[in-house]
Amino acid sequence: MSGWDRNEELNKLSSRRLDGANLILAKMWIYHRDLEVQSWTYAQAKTEYGRRYARVVVQCRLEGEKSAEVAGRYADMDEEVHKAHAAYRLAEQMVTANREALRILHAELDAHRTARADARMADEFQARTSI
């Protein structure tokens, strides 16, 4: 998945001279592709966090800790678990941000379609009423 850069792809759009619905659809494709990439990153980060957390908890229990809650607190304090948790949460937010961007682009596309339909109706009305 490396090599993909959403911002670079968005910058390339300016040279393509797209407008209206075509520009919106191109942006939607870019955000959709980025959502795929970020979803993989999210899944990997979540798995890594769970793995590191479990490793610390199991190690604590093997060393004689009786309480699973205390072992969990030790895991929460572990630096590697903390880093994995931060990466997991960041990846989660990137997925959320891409979904929101797609929702906004869908709304823009709907507004564009409505404006086009209104213009067609106005043209039809003018054609019917003009002499």
Foldseek 3Di string as FASTA:
>chain_A
DPPQDLVVQLVVLVVVPDDFPVNLVSNLVSLVVVLVVLVVQLVVLVVQLVVQLVVQLVVVVVVPDPDSVVSSVVSVPDPVSVVSVVSNVVSVVSNVVSVVVNVVSVVSNVVSVVVVVVVVVVVVVCVVPDD
